[in-house]
Structure formats: C-alpha cells, structure tokens
Amino acid sequence: MTGPTAKACATCGRRIAPSEVYYRFSLVLQVEQDMIGTLGGSGSEEELAAVMKQLEESPESPQELEEQVHWERSGMVCTACRSLVVRTLTPKPAAAGPH
C-alpha cells in the first residue's frame, strides 16, 4: 500500500511532500466593461461584420482570443508562494494623507 504522491507548486514548481501544508486555489479572470457603447459604435450589422472580419484575420489563435475574455486556472501552491500570491492580489491601502 502506497501513500499520497508528492504534489508540485503551480508557481515555483517545487515538489510538495505529502506531509507538507499546501494551498489549493481556483482563479477565474473574466472580461467586463461597465459602459457599453463608449467605443462610438451603434451596434449595426455592418459593424458586427467588420468586427468578425477583424477577429478572423487576427494573428492570434481562437484560444488566445478566448483567454482574453475568460481565463481559468486551479491548482496548489506551497506556503512560500501562497504569501506571494496573497501579497500580489491584496489591494494596497489608500494613502491616509498627512498626519
């Protein structure tokens, strides 16, 4: 009978031993835009056809274009990388101004 297999950190690639603490994560990035129509278009069929032609002629693959709209990853990170991820995704506190 064998125990759990070692896992690898998604950030640094370090092997995580079965006895070590690790953190699972799930991250989804989705495009949003608060103001529709700010690009000056009216949404006509001609404009839609022009956008479709531009996408078809794009040097980027359909997968690359899709990942600009929806990107999803999950995995696990080691303790050191967890600190880095939390620090990166935590907003900086607003400046309090002069005291």
C-alpha atoms as a PDB file:
ATOM      1  CA  MET A   1       0.000   0.000   0.000  1.00  0.00           C
ATOM      2  CA  THR A   2       1.400   3.384  -1.015  1.00  0.00           C
ATOM      3  CA  GLY A   3       0.708   6.797   0.497  1.00  0.00           C
ATOM      4  CA  PRO A   4      -0.232  10.040  -1.215  1.00  0.00           C
ATOM      5  CA  THR A   5       2.031  11.117  -4.043  1.00  0.00           C
ATOM      6  CA  ALA A   6       4.082  14.303  -3.909  1.00  0.00           C
ATOM      7  CA  LYS A   7       2.479  17.353  -5.467  1.00  0.00           C
ATOM      8  CA  ALA A   8       4.108  20.302  -7.241  1.00  0.00           C
ATOM      9  CA  CYS A   9       3.597  24.019  -6.605  1.00  0.00           C
ATOM     10  CA  ALA A  10       1.895  25.695  -9.575  1.00  0.00           C
ATOM     11  CA  THR A  11       4.014  28.820  -9.094  1.00  0.00           C
ATOM     12  CA  CYS A  12       7.582  27.702  -8.385  1.00  0.00           C
ATOM     13  CA  GLY A  13       7.335  24.030  -9.399  1.00  0.00           C
ATOM     14  CA  ARG A  14       8.811  22.807  -6.114  1.00  0.00           C
ATOM     15  CA  ARG A  15       7.709  19.333  -5.056  1.00  0.00           C
ATOM     16  CA  ILE A  16       5.394  19.401  -2.031  1.00  0.00           C
ATOM     17  CA  ALA A  17       5.828  16.362   0.183  1.00  0.00           C
ATOM     18  CA  PRO A  18       2.663  14.598   1.407  1.00  0.00           C
ATOM     19  CA  SER A  19       3.475  15.727   4.972  1.00  0.00           C
ATOM     20  CA  GLU A  20       3.749  19.426   3.981  1.00  0.00           C
ATOM     21  CA  VAL A  21       0.997  22.020   4.089  1.00  0.00           C
ATOM     22  CA  TYR A  22      -0.159  23.293   0.684  1.00  0.00           C
ATOM     23  CA  TYR A  23      -2.937  25.581  -0.521  1.00  0.00           C
ATOM     24  CA  ARG A  24      -5.480  24.896  -3.243  1.00  0.00           C
ATOM     25  CA  PHE A  25      -6.544  27.773  -5.471  1.00  0.00           C
ATOM     26  CA  SER A  26      -9.046  28.498  -8.189  1.00  0.00           C
ATOM     27  CA  LEU A  27      -8.714  31.683 -10.224  1.00  0.00           C
ATOM     28  CA  VAL A  28     -11.079  32.986 -12.881  1.00  0.00           C
ATOM     29  CA  LEU A  29     -10.424  36.143 -14.878  1.00  0.00           C
ATOM     30  CA  GLN A  30     -13.353  37.373 -16.959  1.00  0.00           C
ATOM     31  CA  VAL A  31     -13.587  40.464 -19.082  1.00  0.00           C
ATOM     32  CA  GLU A  32     -16.103  43.102 -18.066  1.00  0.00           C
ATOM     33  CA  GLN A  33     -16.933  46.576 -19.235  1.00  0.00           C
ATOM     34  CA  ASP A  34     -19.146  48.956 -17.305  1.00  0.00           C
ATOM     35  CA  MET A  35     -20.046  51.265 -20.166  1.00  0.00           C
ATOM     36  CA  ILE A  36     -21.434  49.752 -23.360  1.00  0.00           C
ATOM     37  CA  GLY A  37     -21.249  51.866 -26.480  1.00  0.00           C
ATOM     38  CA  THR A  38     -18.337  54.015 -25.344  1.00  0.00           C
ATOM     39  CA  LEU A  39     -16.342  52.955 -28.384  1.00  0.00           C
ATOM     40  CA  GLY A  40     -18.583  55.044 -30.615  1.00  0.00           C
ATOM     41  CA  GLY A  41     -20.317  52.185 -32.400  1.00  0.00           C
ATOM     42  CA  SER A  42     -24.034  51.829 -32.915  1.00  0.00           C
ATOM     43  CA  GLY A  43     -24.061  48.016 -32.925  1.00  0.00           C
ATOM     44  CA  SER A  44     -25.236  47.744 -36.526  1.00  0.00           C
ATOM     45  CA  GLU A  45     -24.894  44.576 -38.597  1.00  0.00           C
ATOM     46  CA  GLU A  46     -22.149  46.239 -40.636  1.00  0.00           C
ATOM     47  CA  GLU A  47     -20.129  46.986 -37.505  1.00  0.00           C
ATOM     48  CA  LEU A  48     -20.601  43.434 -36.257  1.00  0.00           C
ATOM     49  CA  ALA A  49     -19.462  42.063 -39.626  1.00  0.00           C
ATOM     50  CA  ALA A  50     -16.380  44.315 -39.512  1.00  0.00           C
ATOM     51  CA  VAL A  51     -15.502  43.107 -36.007  1.00  0.00           C
ATOM     52  CA  MET A  52     -15.952  39.466 -37.068  1.00  0.00           C
ATOM     53  CA  LYS A  53     -13.684  40.024 -40.088  1.00  0.00           C
ATOM     54  CA  GLN A  54     -11.079  41.650 -37.848  1.00  0.00           C
ATOM     55  CA  LEU A  55     -11.187  38.644 -35.473  1.00  0.00           C
ATOM     56  CA  GLU A  56     -10.934  36.153 -38.351  1.00  0.00           C
ATOM     57  CA  GLU A  57      -7.887  37.962 -39.760  1.00  0.00           C
ATOM     58  CA  SER A  58      -6.207  38.282 -36.366  1.00  0.00           C
ATOM     59  CA  PRO A  59      -2.825  36.560 -35.999  1.00  0.00           C
ATOM     60  CA  GLU A  60      -3.963  35.263 -32.596  1.00  0.00           C
ATOM     61  CA  SER A  61      -5.487  31.809 -32.354  1.00  0.00           C
ATOM     62  CA  PRO A  62      -9.128  31.418 -31.305  1.00  0.00           C
ATOM     63  CA  GLN A  63      -7.874  30.012 -27.984  1.00  0.00           C
ATOM     64  CA  GLU A  64      -5.718  33.111 -27.357  1.00  0.00           C
ATOM     65  CA  LEU A  65      -8.666  35.371 -28.129  1.00  0.00           C
ATOM     66  CA  GLU A  66     -10.937  33.341 -25.852  1.00  0.00           C
ATOM     67  CA  GLU A  67      -8.427  33.538 -22.989  1.00  0.00           C
ATOM     68  CA  GLN A  68      -8.545  37.337 -23.256  1.00  0.00           C
ATOM     69  CA  VAL A  69     -12.237  37.046 -22.357  1.00  0.00           C
ATOM     70  CA  HIS A  70     -12.229  34.101 -19.937  1.00  0.00           C
ATOM     71  CA  TRP A  71      -9.149  32.569 -18.289  1.00  0.00           C
ATOM     72  CA  GLU A  72      -9.427  29.944 -15.590  1.00  0.00           C
ATOM     73  CA  ARG A  73      -6.793  28.040 -13.617  1.00  0.00           C
ATOM     74  CA  SER A  74      -6.723  25.918 -10.477  1.00  0.00           C
ATOM     75  CA  GLY A  75      -4.044  24.044  -8.633  1.00  0.00           C
ATOM     76  CA  MET A  76      -1.993  24.189  -5.492  1.00  0.00           C
ATOM     77  CA  VAL A  77       0.812  26.361  -4.162  1.00  0.00           C
ATOM     78  CA  CYS A  78       3.407  25.909  -1.429  1.00  0.00           C
ATOM     79  CA  THR A  79       3.445  28.071   1.698  1.00  0.00           C
ATOM     80  CA  ALA A  80       6.061  30.498   0.342  1.00  0.00           C
ATOM     81  CA  CYS A  81       4.190  31.032  -2.922  1.00  0.00           C
ATOM     82  CA  ARG A  82       0.894  31.483  -1.073  1.00  0.00           C
ATOM     83  CA  SER A  83       2.413  34.537   0.634  1.00  0.00           C
ATOM     84  CA  LEU A  84       3.486  35.912  -2.749  1.00  0.00           C
ATOM     85  CA  VAL A  85       0.047  35.348  -4.312  1.00  0.00           C
ATOM     86  CA  VAL A  86      -1.790  36.917  -1.356  1.00  0.00           C
ATOM     87  CA  ARG A  87       0.558  39.922  -1.380  1.00  0.00           C
ATOM     88  CA  THR A  88       0.102  40.341  -5.137  1.00  0.00           C
ATOM     89  CA  LEU A  89      -3.701  40.178  -5.032  1.00  0.00           C
ATOM     90  CA  THR A  90      -4.250  42.250  -1.864  1.00  0.00           C
ATOM     91  CA  PRO A  91      -5.068  45.886  -2.680  1.00  0.00           C
ATOM     92  CA  LYS A  92      -2.688  48.462  -1.301  1.00  0.00           C
ATOM     93  CA  PRO A  93      -4.250  50.529   1.492  1.00  0.00           C
ATOM     94  CA  ALA A  94      -5.282  54.032   0.459  1.00  0.00           C
ATOM     95  CA  ALA A  95      -2.893  56.766   1.495  1.00  0.00           C
ATOM     96  CA  ALA A  96      -4.048  58.254   4.774  1.00  0.00           C
ATOM     97  CA  GLY A  97      -2.686  61.663   3.895  1.00  0.00           C
ATOM     98  CA  PRO A  98      -0.591  63.917   6.122  1.00  0.00           C
ATOM     99  CA  HIS A  99      -0.904  63.422   9.860  1.00  0.00           C
END
